[in-house]
Amino acid sequence: MYALLVVCIGFVFFRAETMAQGCFWVRKMFTGFGWNAGAMSFALQQMTPVFLVTLAGALIACCPVKKLISEKKWYGPVAYVCSLAGLVICILSLASGTYNPFIYFRF
């Protein structure tokens, strides 16, 4: 938990243009939680189909389903095809948009 906290705060200061902006973002990260109309609207805007499918996949993957299906004969090829499809979707998403999640993209 300590390492995660240090890395997250470090990335905030790495991304910030000024020290004051970094301190502002860190303060906002840890204070001022509330569910007013604006916050609820923003949260509902984030519930895109891609997010919901990813959430469903993550919830399934965090359960011990691999033990149940890894002995099946079809598991290997299906896992390979799903991994390849995920890679292609990620590449297409990065190529089509202006957002780039890589940390050194700004330099």
PDB file of N, CA and C in Angstrom:
ATOM      1  N   MET A   1       0.827  -1.182   0.000  1.00  0.00           N
ATOM      2  CA  MET A   1       0.000   0.000   0.000  1.00  0.00           C
ATOM      3  C   MET A   1       0.879   1.257   0.000  1.00  0.00           C
ATOM      4  N   TYR A   2       1.973   1.194   0.761  1.00  0.00           N
ATOM      5  CA  TYR A   2       2.861   2.351   0.821  1.00  0.00           C
ATOM      6  C   TYR A   2       3.453   2.646  -0.556  1.00  0.00           C
ATOM      7  N   ALA A   3       3.915   1.606  -1.238  1.00  0.00           N
ATOM      8  CA  ALA A   3       4.524   1.800  -2.557  1.00  0.00           C
ATOM      9  C   ALA A   3       3.501   2.351  -3.549  1.00  0.00           C
ATOM     10  N   LEU A   4       2.278   1.837  -3.505  1.00  0.00           N
ATOM     11  CA  LEU A   4       1.230   2.327  -4.393  1.00  0.00           C
ATOM     12  C   LEU A   4       0.927   3.789  -4.118  1.00  0.00           C
ATOM     13  N   LEU A   5       0.859   4.163  -2.867  1.00  0.00           N
ATOM     14  CA  LEU A   5       0.590   5.547  -2.501  1.00  0.00           C
ATOM     15  C   LEU A   5       1.717   6.472  -2.980  1.00  0.00           C
ATOM     16  N   VAL A   6       2.954   6.063  -2.766  1.00  0.00           N
ATOM     17  CA  VAL A   6       4.093   6.883  -3.187  1.00  0.00           C
ATOM     18  C   VAL A   6       4.139   7.012  -4.703  1.00  0.00           C
ATOM     19  N   VAL A   7       3.894   5.931  -5.418  1.00  0.00           N
ATOM     20  CA  VAL A   7       3.931   5.976  -6.881  1.00  0.00           C
ATOM     21  C   VAL A   7       2.812   6.855  -7.422  1.00  0.00           C
ATOM     22  N   CYS A   8       1.604   6.718  -6.891  1.00  0.00           N
ATOM     23  CA  CYS A   8       0.480   7.546  -7.371  1.00  0.00           C
ATOM     24  C   CYS A   8       0.731   9.027  -7.125  1.00  0.00           C
ATOM     25  N   ILE A   9       1.195   9.366  -5.955  1.00  0.00           N
ATOM     26  CA  ILE A   9       1.474  10.775  -5.663  1.00  0.00           C
ATOM     27  C   ILE A   9       2.657  11.261  -6.497  1.00  0.00           C
ATOM     28  N   GLY A  10       3.645  10.413  -6.694  1.00  0.00           N
ATOM     29  CA  GLY A  10       4.776  10.791  -7.538  1.00  0.00           C
ATOM     30  C   GLY A  10       4.359  11.063  -8.973  1.00  0.00           C
ATOM     31  N   PHE A  11       3.445  10.257  -9.508  1.00  0.00           N
ATOM     32  CA  PHE A  11       2.961  10.494 -10.868  1.00  0.00           C
ATOM     33  C   PHE A  11       2.174  11.795 -10.960  1.00  0.00           C
ATOM     34  N   VAL A  12       1.472  12.157  -9.893  1.00  0.00           N
ATOM     35  CA  VAL A  12       0.745  13.431  -9.896  1.00  0.00           C
ATOM     36  C   VAL A  12       1.730  14.580 -10.042  1.00  0.00           C
ATOM     37  N   PHE A  13       2.788  14.554  -9.280  1.00  0.00           N
ATOM     38  CA  PHE A  13       3.770  15.640  -9.368  1.00  0.00           C
ATOM     39  C   PHE A  13       4.556  15.580 -10.680  1.00  0.00           C
ATOM     40  N   PHE A  14       4.726  14.394 -11.241  1.00  0.00           N
ATOM     41  CA  PHE A  14       5.392  14.270 -12.526  1.00  0.00           C
ATOM     42  C   PHE A  14       4.554  14.887 -13.639  1.00  0.00           C
ATOM     43  N   ARG A  15       3.244  14.757 -13.540  1.00  0.00           N
ATOM     44  CA  ARG A  15       2.325  15.256 -14.566  1.00  0.00           C
ATOM     45  C   ARG A  15       2.050  16.749 -14.410  1.00  0.00           C
ATOM     46  N   ALA A  16       2.094  17.264 -13.203  1.00  0.00           N
ATOM     47  CA  ALA A  16       1.721  18.656 -12.938  1.00  0.00           C
ATOM     48  C   ALA A  16       2.707  19.619 -13.592  1.00  0.00           C
ATOM     49  N   GLU A  17       2.165  20.750 -14.034  1.00  0.00           N
ATOM     50  CA  GLU A  17       3.001  21.784 -14.639  1.00  0.00           C
ATOM     51  C   GLU A  17       3.776  22.559 -13.567  1.00  0.00           C
ATOM     52  N   THR A  18       3.129  22.811 -12.423  1.00  0.00           N
ATOM     53  CA  THR A  18       3.766  23.554 -11.332  1.00  0.00           C
ATOM     54  C   THR A  18       3.592  22.781 -10.034  1.00  0.00           C
ATOM     55  N   MET A  19       4.359  23.163  -9.029  1.00  0.00           N
ATOM     56  CA  MET A  19       4.247  22.522  -7.718  1.00  0.00           C
ATOM     57  C   MET A  19       2.887  22.826  -7.094  1.00  0.00           C
ATOM     58  N   ALA A  20       2.381  24.036  -7.298  1.00  0.00           N
ATOM     59  CA  ALA A  20       1.073  24.398  -6.746  1.00  0.00           C
ATOM     60  C   ALA A  20      -0.035  23.560  -7.370  1.00  0.00           C
ATOM     61  N   GLN A  21       0.066  23.321  -8.656  1.00  0.00           N
ATOM     62  CA  GLN A  21      -0.932  22.488  -9.320  1.00  0.00           C
ATOM     63  C   GLN A  21      -0.859  21.048  -8.801  1.00  0.00           C
ATOM     64  N   GLY A  22       0.332  20.525  -8.587  1.00  0.00           N
ATOM     65  CA  GLY A  22       0.487  19.186  -8.034  1.00  0.00           C
ATOM     66  C   GLY A  22      -0.093  19.078  -6.640  1.00  0.00           C
ATOM     67  N   CYS A  23       0.175  20.077  -5.802  1.00  0.00           N
ATOM     68  CA  CYS A  23      -0.400  20.068  -4.442  1.00  0.00           C
ATOM     69  C   CYS A  23      -1.918  20.154  -4.491  1.00  0.00           C
ATOM     70  N   PHE A  24      -2.450  20.926  -5.431  1.00  0.00           N
ATOM     71  CA  PHE A  24      -3.898  21.031  -5.580  1.00  0.00           C
ATOM     72  C   PHE A  24      -4.496  19.679  -5.952  1.00  0.00           C
ATOM     73  N   TRP A  25      -3.877  18.971  -6.901  1.00  0.00           N
ATOM     74  CA  TRP A  25      -4.389  17.667  -7.312  1.00  0.00           C
ATOM     75  C   TRP A  25      -4.304  16.646  -6.194  1.00  0.00           C
ATOM     76  N   VAL A  26      -3.215  16.655  -5.430  1.00  0.00           N
ATOM     77  CA  VAL A  26      -3.096  15.715  -4.307  1.00  0.00           C
ATOM     78  C   VAL A  26      -4.161  16.017  -3.255  1.00  0.00           C
ATOM     79  N   ARG A  27      -4.400  17.297  -2.975  1.00  0.00           N
ATOM     80  CA  ARG A  27      -5.429  17.671  -2.019  1.00  0.00           C
ATOM     81  C   ARG A  27      -6.804  17.208  -2.508  1.00  0.00           C
ATOM     82  N   LYS A  28      -7.079  17.361  -3.793  1.00  0.00           N
ATOM     83  CA  LYS A  28      -8.357  16.922  -4.352  1.00  0.00           C
ATOM     84  C   LYS A  28      -8.490  15.402  -4.349  1.00  0.00           C
ATOM     85  N   MET A  29      -7.372  14.687  -4.449  1.00  0.00           N
ATOM     86  CA  MET A  29      -7.414  13.228  -4.437  1.00  0.00           C
ATOM     87  C   MET A  29      -7.881  12.689  -3.095  1.00  0.00           C
ATOM     88  N   PHE A  30      -7.542  13.377  -2.016  1.00  0.00           N
ATOM     89  CA  PHE A  30      -7.789  12.828  -0.689  1.00  0.00           C
ATOM     90  C   PHE A  30      -8.840  13.577   0.123  1.00  0.00           C
ATOM     91  N   THR A  31      -9.403  14.642  -0.399  1.00  0.00           N
ATOM     92  CA  THR A  31     -10.436  15.395   0.334  1.00  0.00           C
ATOM     93  C   THR A  31     -11.572  15.751  -0.610  1.00  0.00           C
ATOM     94  N   GLY A  32     -12.662  16.214  -0.024  1.00  0.00           N
ATOM     95  CA  GLY A  32     -13.762  16.757  -0.800  1.00  0.00           C
ATOM     96  C   GLY A  32     -14.631  15.748  -1.508  1.00  0.00           C
ATOM     97  N   PHE A  33     -14.780  14.545  -0.933  1.00  0.00           N
ATOM     98  CA  PHE A  33     -15.658  13.565  -1.552  1.00  0.00           C
ATOM     99  C   PHE A  33     -17.101  13.943  -1.282  1.00  0.00           C
ATOM    100  N   GLY A  34     -17.926  13.871  -2.279  1.00  0.00           N
ATOM    101  CA  GLY A  34     -19.339  14.161  -2.112  1.00  0.00           C
ATOM    102  C   GLY A  34     -20.107  13.678  -3.330  1.00  0.00           C
ATOM    103  N   TRP A  35     -21.378  13.381  -3.120  1.00  0.00           N
ATOM    104  CA  TRP A  35     -22.212  12.905  -4.211  1.00  0.00           C
ATOM    105  C   TRP A  35     -23.267  13.946  -4.530  1.00  0.00           C
ATOM    106  N   ASN A  36     -22.815  15.080  -5.031  1.00  0.00           N
ATOM    107  CA  ASN A  36     -23.763  16.080  -5.480  1.00  0.00           C
ATOM    108  C   ASN A  36     -24.168  15.762  -6.919  1.00  0.00           C
ATOM    109  N   ALA A  37     -24.994  16.602  -7.516  1.00  0.00           N
ATOM    110  CA  ALA A  37     -25.513  16.326  -8.857  1.00  0.00           C
ATOM    111  C   ALA A  37     -24.398  16.292  -9.898  1.00  0.00           C
ATOM    112  N   GLY A  38     -23.425  17.186  -9.788  1.00  0.00           N
ATOM    113  CA  GLY A  38     -22.322  17.204 -10.747  1.00  0.00           C
ATOM    114  C   GLY A  38     -21.466  15.954 -10.676  1.00  0.00           C
ATOM    115  N   ALA A  39     -21.161  15.505  -9.458  1.00  0.00           N
ATOM    116  CA  ALA A  39     -20.347  14.303  -9.289  1.00  0.00           C
ATOM    117  C   ALA A  39     -21.088  13.060  -9.781  1.00  0.00           C
ATOM    118  N   MET A  40     -22.378  12.995  -9.508  1.00  0.00           N
ATOM    119  CA  MET A  40     -23.168  11.847  -9.958  1.00  0.00           C
ATOM    120  C   MET A  40     -23.271  11.833 -11.488  1.00  0.00           C
ATOM    121  N   SER A  41     -23.432  12.995 -12.091  1.00  0.00           N
ATOM    122  CA  SER A  41     -23.492  13.075 -13.546  1.00  0.00           C
ATOM    123  C   SER A  41     -22.167  12.621 -14.165  1.00  0.00           C
ATOM    124  N   PHE A  42     -21.062  13.059 -13.578  1.00  0.00           N
ATOM    125  CA  PHE A  42     -19.746  12.648 -14.080  1.00  0.00           C
ATOM    126  C   PHE A  42     -19.550  11.142 -13.935  1.00  0.00           C
ATOM    127  N   ALA A  43     -19.961  10.581 -12.806  1.00  0.00           N
ATOM    128  CA  ALA A  43     -19.815   9.142 -12.590  1.00  0.00           C
ATOM    129  C   ALA A  43     -20.646   8.352 -13.597  1.00  0.00           C
ATOM    130  N   LEU A  44     -21.840   8.824 -13.906  1.00  0.00           N
ATOM    131  CA  LEU A  44     -22.685   8.122 -14.872  1.00  0.00           C
ATOM    132  C   LEU A  44     -22.154   8.268 -16.298  1.00  0.00           C
ATOM    133  N   GLN A  45     -21.471   9.354 -16.591  1.00  0.00           N
ATOM    134  CA  GLN A  45     -20.872   9.521 -17.919  1.00  0.00           C
ATOM    135  C   GLN A  45     -19.747   8.518 -18.143  1.00  0.00           C
ATOM    136  N   GLN A  46     -19.105   8.082 -17.071  1.00  0.00           N
ATOM    137  CA  GLN A  46     -17.995   7.136 -17.191  1.00  0.00           C
ATOM    138  C   GLN A  46     -18.466   5.705 -17.414  1.00  0.00           C
ATOM    139  N   MET A  47     -19.746   5.444 -17.231  1.00  0.00           N
ATOM    140  CA  MET A  47     -20.298   4.096 -17.393  1.00  0.00           C
ATOM    141  C   MET A  47     -20.572   3.802 -18.862  1.00  0.00           C
ATOM    142  N   THR A  48     -19.526   3.757 -19.660  1.00  0.00           N
ATOM    143  CA  THR A  48     -19.656   3.462 -21.078  1.00  0.00           C
ATOM    144  C   THR A  48     -19.745   1.957 -21.280  1.00  0.00           C
ATOM    145  N   PRO A  49     -20.198   1.512 -22.440  1.00  0.00           N
ATOM    146  CA  PRO A  49     -20.225   0.061 -22.698  1.00  0.00           C
ATOM    147  C   PRO A  49     -18.852  -0.601 -22.576  1.00  0.00           C
ATOM    148  N   VAL A  50     -17.810   0.087 -22.992  1.00  0.00           N
ATOM    149  CA  VAL A  50     -16.459  -0.482 -22.871  1.00  0.00           C
ATOM    150  C   VAL A  50     -16.107  -0.681 -21.401  1.00  0.00           C
ATOM    151  N   PHE A  51     -16.431   0.307 -20.559  1.00  0.00           N
ATOM    152  CA  PHE A  51     -16.144   0.191 -19.138  1.00  0.00           C
ATOM    153  C   PHE A  51     -16.937  -0.963 -18.519  1.00  0.00           C
ATOM    154  N   LEU A  52     -18.209  -1.085 -18.863  1.00  0.00           N
ATOM    155  CA  LEU A  52     -19.038  -2.132 -18.274  1.00  0.00           C
ATOM    156  C   LEU A  52     -18.581  -3.526 -18.704  1.00  0.00           C
ATOM    157  N   VAL A  53     -18.179  -3.683 -19.966  1.00  0.00           N
ATOM    158  CA  VAL A  53     -17.666  -4.982 -20.423  1.00  0.00           C
ATOM    159  C   VAL A  53     -16.349  -5.302 -19.724  1.00  0.00           C
ATOM    160  N   THR A  54     -15.486  -4.303 -19.581  1.00  0.00           N
ATOM    161  CA  THR A  54     -14.219  -4.502 -18.883  1.00  0.00           C
ATOM    162  C   THR A  54     -14.453  -4.854 -17.425  1.00  0.00           C
ATOM    163  N   LEU A  55     -15.396  -4.176 -16.789  1.00  0.00           N
ATOM    164  CA  LEU A  55     -15.724  -4.476 -15.397  1.00  0.00           C
ATOM    165  C   LEU A  55     -16.245  -5.900 -15.247  1.00  0.00           C
ATOM    166  N   ALA A  56     -17.126  -6.316 -16.147  1.00  0.00           N
ATOM    167  CA  ALA A  56     -17.649  -7.684 -16.090  1.00  0.00           C
ATOM    168  C   ALA A  56     -16.529  -8.706 -16.275  1.00  0.00           C
ATOM    169  N   GLY A  57     -15.648  -8.456 -17.230  1.00  0.00           N
ATOM    170  CA  GLY A  57     -14.512  -9.362 -17.440  1.00  0.00           C
ATOM    171  C   GLY A  57     -13.591  -9.407 -16.234  1.00  0.00           C
ATOM    172  N   ALA A  58     -13.355  -8.257 -15.611  1.00  0.00           N
ATOM    173  CA  ALA A  58     -12.491  -8.213 -14.430  1.00  0.00           C
ATOM    174  C   ALA A  58     -13.119  -8.961 -13.258  1.00  0.00           C
ATOM    175  N   LEU A  59     -14.415  -8.804 -13.095  1.00  0.00           N
ATOM    176  CA  LEU A  59     -15.092  -9.511 -12.001  1.00  0.00           C
ATOM    177  C   LEU A  59     -15.053 -11.019 -12.204  1.00  0.00           C
ATOM    178  N   ILE A  60     -15.204 -11.454 -13.433  1.00  0.00           N
ATOM    179  CA  ILE A  60     -15.112 -12.889 -13.717  1.00  0.00           C
ATOM    180  C   ILE A  60     -13.677 -13.373 -13.522  1.00  0.00           C
ATOM    181  N   ALA A  61     -12.706 -12.582 -13.972  1.00  0.00           N
ATOM    182  CA  ALA A  61     -11.304 -12.993 -13.883  1.00  0.00           C
ATOM    183  C   ALA A  61     -10.789 -13.032 -12.455  1.00  0.00           C
ATOM    184  N   CYS A  62     -11.387 -12.264 -11.554  1.00  0.00           N
ATOM    185  CA  CYS A  62     -10.895 -12.276 -10.175  1.00  0.00           C
ATOM    186  C   CYS A  62     -11.446 -13.452  -9.381  1.00  0.00           C
ATOM    187  N   CYS A  63     -12.354 -14.204  -9.968  1.00  0.00           N
ATOM    188  CA  CYS A  63     -12.870 -15.413  -9.322  1.00  0.00           C
ATOM    189  C   CYS A  63     -12.015 -16.605  -9.756  1.00  0.00           C
ATOM    190  N   PRO A  64     -12.074 -17.691  -9.020  1.00  0.00           N
ATOM    191  CA  PRO A  64     -11.229 -18.844  -9.384  1.00  0.00           C
ATOM    192  C   PRO A  64     -11.802 -19.667 -10.538  1.00  0.00           C
ATOM    193  N   VAL A  65     -12.150 -19.028 -11.641  1.00  0.00           N
ATOM    194  CA  VAL A  65     -12.714 -19.756 -12.775  1.00  0.00           C
ATOM    195  C   VAL A  65     -11.627 -20.426 -13.613  1.00  0.00           C
ATOM    196  N   LYS A  66     -10.394 -19.943 -13.519  1.00  0.00           N
ATOM    197  CA  LYS A  66      -9.324 -20.539 -14.323  1.00  0.00           C
ATOM    198  C   LYS A  66      -9.086 -21.992 -13.933  1.00  0.00           C
ATOM    199  N   LYS A  67      -9.202 -22.279 -12.652  1.00  0.00           N
ATOM    200  CA  LYS A  67      -9.033 -23.661 -12.209  1.00  0.00           C
ATOM    201  C   LYS A  67     -10.101 -24.564 -12.816  1.00  0.00           C
ATOM    202  N   LEU A  68     -11.300 -24.030 -12.950  1.00  0.00           N
ATOM    203  CA  LEU A  68     -12.401 -24.837 -13.459  1.00  0.00           C
ATOM    204  C   LEU A  68     -12.290 -25.098 -14.958  1.00  0.00           C
ATOM    205  N   ILE A  69     -11.814 -24.113 -15.708  1.00  0.00           N
ATOM    206  CA  ILE A  69     -11.839 -24.282 -17.158  1.00  0.00           C
ATOM    207  C   ILE A  69     -10.470 -24.559 -17.774  1.00  0.00           C
ATOM    208  N   SER A  70      -9.398 -24.463 -17.001  1.00  0.00           N
ATOM    209  CA  SER A  70      -8.069 -24.647 -17.595  1.00  0.00           C
ATOM    210  C   SER A  70      -7.808 -26.087 -18.023  1.00  0.00           C
ATOM    211  N   GLU A  71      -8.531 -27.032 -17.499  1.00  0.00           N
ATOM    212  CA  GLU A  71      -8.335 -28.419 -17.906  1.00  0.00           C
ATOM    213  C   GLU A  71      -9.077 -28.769 -19.185  1.00  0.00           C
ATOM    214  N   LYS A  72      -9.943 -27.885 -19.648  1.00  0.00           N
ATOM    215  CA  LYS A  72     -10.693 -28.145 -20.874  1.00  0.00           C
ATOM    216  C   LYS A  72      -9.764 -28.049 -22.082  1.00  0.00           C
ATOM    217  N   LYS A  73     -10.079 -28.817 -23.110  1.00  0.00           N
ATOM    218  CA  LYS A  73      -9.243 -28.870 -24.301  1.00  0.00           C
ATOM    219  C   LYS A  73      -9.289 -27.559 -25.080  1.00  0.00           C
ATOM    220  N   TRP A  74     -10.389 -26.866 -25.062  1.00  0.00           N
ATOM    221  CA  TRP A  74     -10.571 -25.642 -25.838  1.00  0.00           C
ATOM    222  C   TRP A  74      -9.994 -24.410 -25.145  1.00  0.00           C
ATOM    223  N   TYR A  75      -9.542 -24.526 -23.920  1.00  0.00           N
ATOM    224  CA  TYR A  75      -9.094 -23.346 -23.165  1.00  0.00           C
ATOM    225  C   TYR A  75      -7.880 -22.657 -23.787  1.00  0.00           C
ATOM    226  N   GLY A  76      -6.886 -23.415 -24.207  1.00  0.00           N
ATOM    227  CA  GLY A  76      -5.663 -22.836 -24.771  1.00  0.00           C
ATOM    228  C   GLY A  76      -5.911 -21.991 -26.012  1.00  0.00           C
ATOM    229  N   PRO A  77      -6.566 -22.560 -27.038  1.00  0.00           N
ATOM    230  CA  PRO A  77      -6.820 -21.756 -28.240  1.00  0.00           C
ATOM    231  C   PRO A  77      -7.729 -20.545 -27.986  1.00  0.00           C
ATOM    232  N   VAL A  78      -8.735 -20.703 -27.152  1.00  0.00           N
ATOM    233  CA  VAL A  78      -9.643 -19.584 -26.865  1.00  0.00           C
ATOM    234  C   VAL A  78      -8.910 -18.482 -26.106  1.00  0.00           C
ATOM    235  N   ALA A  79      -8.051 -18.856 -25.170  1.00  0.00           N
ATOM    236  CA  ALA A  79      -7.280 -17.850 -24.428  1.00  0.00           C
ATOM    237  C   ALA A  79      -6.334 -17.117 -25.368  1.00  0.00           C
ATOM    238  N   TYR A  80      -5.732 -17.838 -26.298  1.00  0.00           N
ATOM    239  CA  TYR A  80      -4.832 -17.213 -27.268  1.00  0.00           C
ATOM    240  C   TYR A  80      -5.585 -16.229 -28.152  1.00  0.00           C
ATOM    241  N   VAL A  81      -6.731 -16.623 -28.675  1.00  0.00           N
ATOM    242  CA  VAL A  81      -7.526 -15.760 -29.553  1.00  0.00           C
ATOM    243  C   VAL A  81      -8.025 -14.537 -28.793  1.00  0.00           C
ATOM    244  N   CYS A  82      -8.466 -14.699 -27.552  1.00  0.00           N
ATOM    245  CA  CYS A  82      -8.939 -13.563 -26.751  1.00  0.00           C
ATOM    246  C   CYS A  82      -7.795 -12.588 -26.456  1.00  0.00           C
ATOM    247  N   SER A  83      -6.620 -13.100 -26.176  1.00  0.00           N
ATOM    248  CA  SER A  83      -5.469 -12.228 -25.935  1.00  0.00           C
ATOM    249  C   SER A  83      -5.094 -11.457 -27.189  1.00  0.00           C
ATOM    250  N   LEU A  84      -5.097 -12.124 -28.315  1.00  0.00           N
ATOM    251  CA  LEU A  84      -4.786 -11.463 -29.575  1.00  0.00           C
ATOM    252  C   LEU A  84      -5.842 -10.416 -29.926  1.00  0.00           C
ATOM    253  N   ALA A  85      -7.115 -10.726 -29.699  1.00  0.00           N
ATOM    254  CA  ALA A  85      -8.191  -9.762 -29.951  1.00  0.00           C
ATOM    255  C   ALA A  85      -8.056  -8.550 -29.031  1.00  0.00           C
ATOM    256  N   GLY A  86      -7.691  -8.767 -27.777  1.00  0.00           N
ATOM    257  CA  GLY A  86      -7.480  -7.653 -26.858  1.00  0.00           C
ATOM    258  C   GLY A  86      -6.339  -6.763 -27.291  1.00  0.00           C
ATOM    259  N   LEU A  87      -5.256  -7.361 -27.781  1.00  0.00           N
ATOM    260  CA  LEU A  87      -4.122  -6.589 -28.285  1.00  0.00           C
ATOM    261  C   LEU A  87      -4.534  -5.739 -29.490  1.00  0.00           C
ATOM    262  N   VAL A  88      -5.273  -6.331 -30.413  1.00  0.00           N
ATOM    263  CA  VAL A  88      -5.712  -5.600 -31.607  1.00  0.00           C
ATOM    264  C   VAL A  88      -6.637  -4.451 -31.219  1.00  0.00           C
ATOM    265  N   ILE A  89      -7.545  -4.687 -30.294  1.00  0.00           N
ATOM    266  CA  ILE A  89      -8.463  -3.632 -29.850  1.00  0.00           C
ATOM    267  C   ILE A  89      -7.687  -2.498 -29.197  1.00  0.00           C
ATOM    268  N   CYS A  90      -6.701  -2.806 -28.385  1.00  0.00           N
ATOM    269  CA  CYS A  90      -5.888  -1.761 -27.750  1.00  0.00           C
ATOM    270  C   CYS A  90      -5.104  -0.958 -28.782  1.00  0.00           C
ATOM    271  N   ILE A  91      -4.525  -1.624 -29.752  1.00  0.00           N
ATOM    272  CA  ILE A  91      -3.768  -0.927 -30.792  1.00  0.00           C
ATOM    273  C   ILE A  91      -4.686  -0.025 -31.604  1.00  0.00           C
ATOM    274  N   LEU A  92      -5.863  -0.515 -31.963  1.00  0.00           N
ATOM    275  CA  LEU A  92      -6.810   0.299 -32.723  1.00  0.00           C
ATOM    276  C   LEU A  92      -7.299   1.485 -31.912  1.00  0.00           C
ATOM    277  N   SER A  93      -7.506   1.282 -30.638  1.00  0.00           N
ATOM    278  CA  SER A  93      -7.950   2.379 -29.776  1.00  0.00           C
ATOM    279  C   SER A  93      -6.885   3.462 -29.670  1.00  0.00           C
ATOM    280  N   LEU A  94      -5.632   3.071 -29.520  1.00  0.00           N
ATOM    281  CA  LEU A  94      -4.548   4.045 -29.446  1.00  0.00           C
ATOM    282  C   LEU A  94      -4.331   4.760 -30.779  1.00  0.00           C
ATOM    283  N   ALA A  95      -4.481   4.037 -31.876  1.00  0.00           N
ATOM    284  CA  ALA A  95      -4.247   4.639 -33.183  1.00  0.00           C
ATOM    285  C   ALA A  95      -5.358   5.594 -33.589  1.00  0.00           C
ATOM    286  N   SER A  96      -6.573   5.349 -33.128  1.00  0.00           N
ATOM    287  CA  SER A  96      -7.701   6.155 -33.582  1.00  0.00           C
ATOM    288  C   SER A  96      -7.936   7.399 -32.742  1.00  0.00           C
ATOM    289  N   GLY A  97      -7.428   7.439 -31.535  1.00  0.00           N
ATOM    290  CA  GLY A  97      -7.722   8.564 -30.653  1.00  0.00           C
ATOM    291  C   GLY A  97      -6.547   9.488 -30.461  1.00  0.00           C
ATOM    292  N   THR A  98      -6.823  10.608 -29.821  1.00  0.00           N
ATOM    293  CA  THR A  98      -5.757  11.558 -29.510  1.00  0.00           C
ATOM    294  C   THR A  98      -5.190  11.317 -28.125  1.00  0.00           C
ATOM    295  N   TYR A  99      -5.879  10.542 -27.305  1.00  0.00           N
ATOM    296  CA  TYR A  99      -5.402  10.244 -25.947  1.00  0.00           C
ATOM    297  C   TYR A  99      -4.341   9.166 -26.013  1.00  0.00           C
ATOM    298  N   ASN A 100      -3.233   9.391 -25.329  1.00  0.00           N
ATOM    299  CA  ASN A 100      -2.170   8.406 -25.271  1.00  0.00           C
ATOM    300  C   ASN A 100      -1.790   8.209 -23.809  1.00  0.00           C
ATOM    301  N   PRO A 101      -1.991   7.009 -23.258  1.00  0.00           N
ATOM    302  CA  PRO A 101      -1.756   6.795 -21.836  1.00  0.00           C
ATOM    303  C   PRO A 101      -0.296   6.625 -21.439  1.00  0.00           C
ATOM    304  N   PHE A 102       0.608   6.635 -22.395  1.00  0.00           N
ATOM    305  CA  PHE A 102       2.009   6.410 -22.060  1.00  0.00           C
ATOM    306  C   PHE A 102       2.572   7.634 -21.343  1.00  0.00           C
ATOM    307  N   ILE A 103       3.344   7.399 -20.317  1.00  0.00           N
ATOM    308  CA  ILE A 103       3.791   8.466 -19.430  1.00  0.00           C
ATOM    309  C   ILE A 103       4.750   9.445 -20.120  1.00  0.00           C
ATOM    310  N   TYR A 104       5.555   8.979 -21.055  1.00  0.00           N
ATOM    311  CA  TYR A 104       6.541   9.846 -21.683  1.00  0.00           C
ATOM    312  C   TYR A 104       6.053  10.437 -23.005  1.00  0.00           C
ATOM    313  N   PHE A 105       4.766  10.349 -23.283  1.00  0.00           N
ATOM    314  CA  PHE A 105       4.225  10.874 -24.528  1.00  0.00           C
ATOM    315  C   PHE A 105       4.363  12.389 -24.605  1.00  0.00           C
ATOM    316  N   ARG A 106       4.388  13.063 -23.464  1.00  0.00           N
ATOM    317  CA  ARG A 106       4.449  14.523 -23.440  1.00  0.00           C
ATOM    318  C   ARG A 106       5.817  15.046 -23.847  1.00  0.00           C
ATOM    319  N   PHE A 107       6.855  14.240 -23.809  1.00  0.00           N
ATOM    320  CA  PHE A 107       8.213  14.758 -24.002  1.00  0.00           C
ATOM    321  C   PHE A 107       8.677  14.619 -25.425  1.00  0.00           C
TER     322      PHE A 107
END
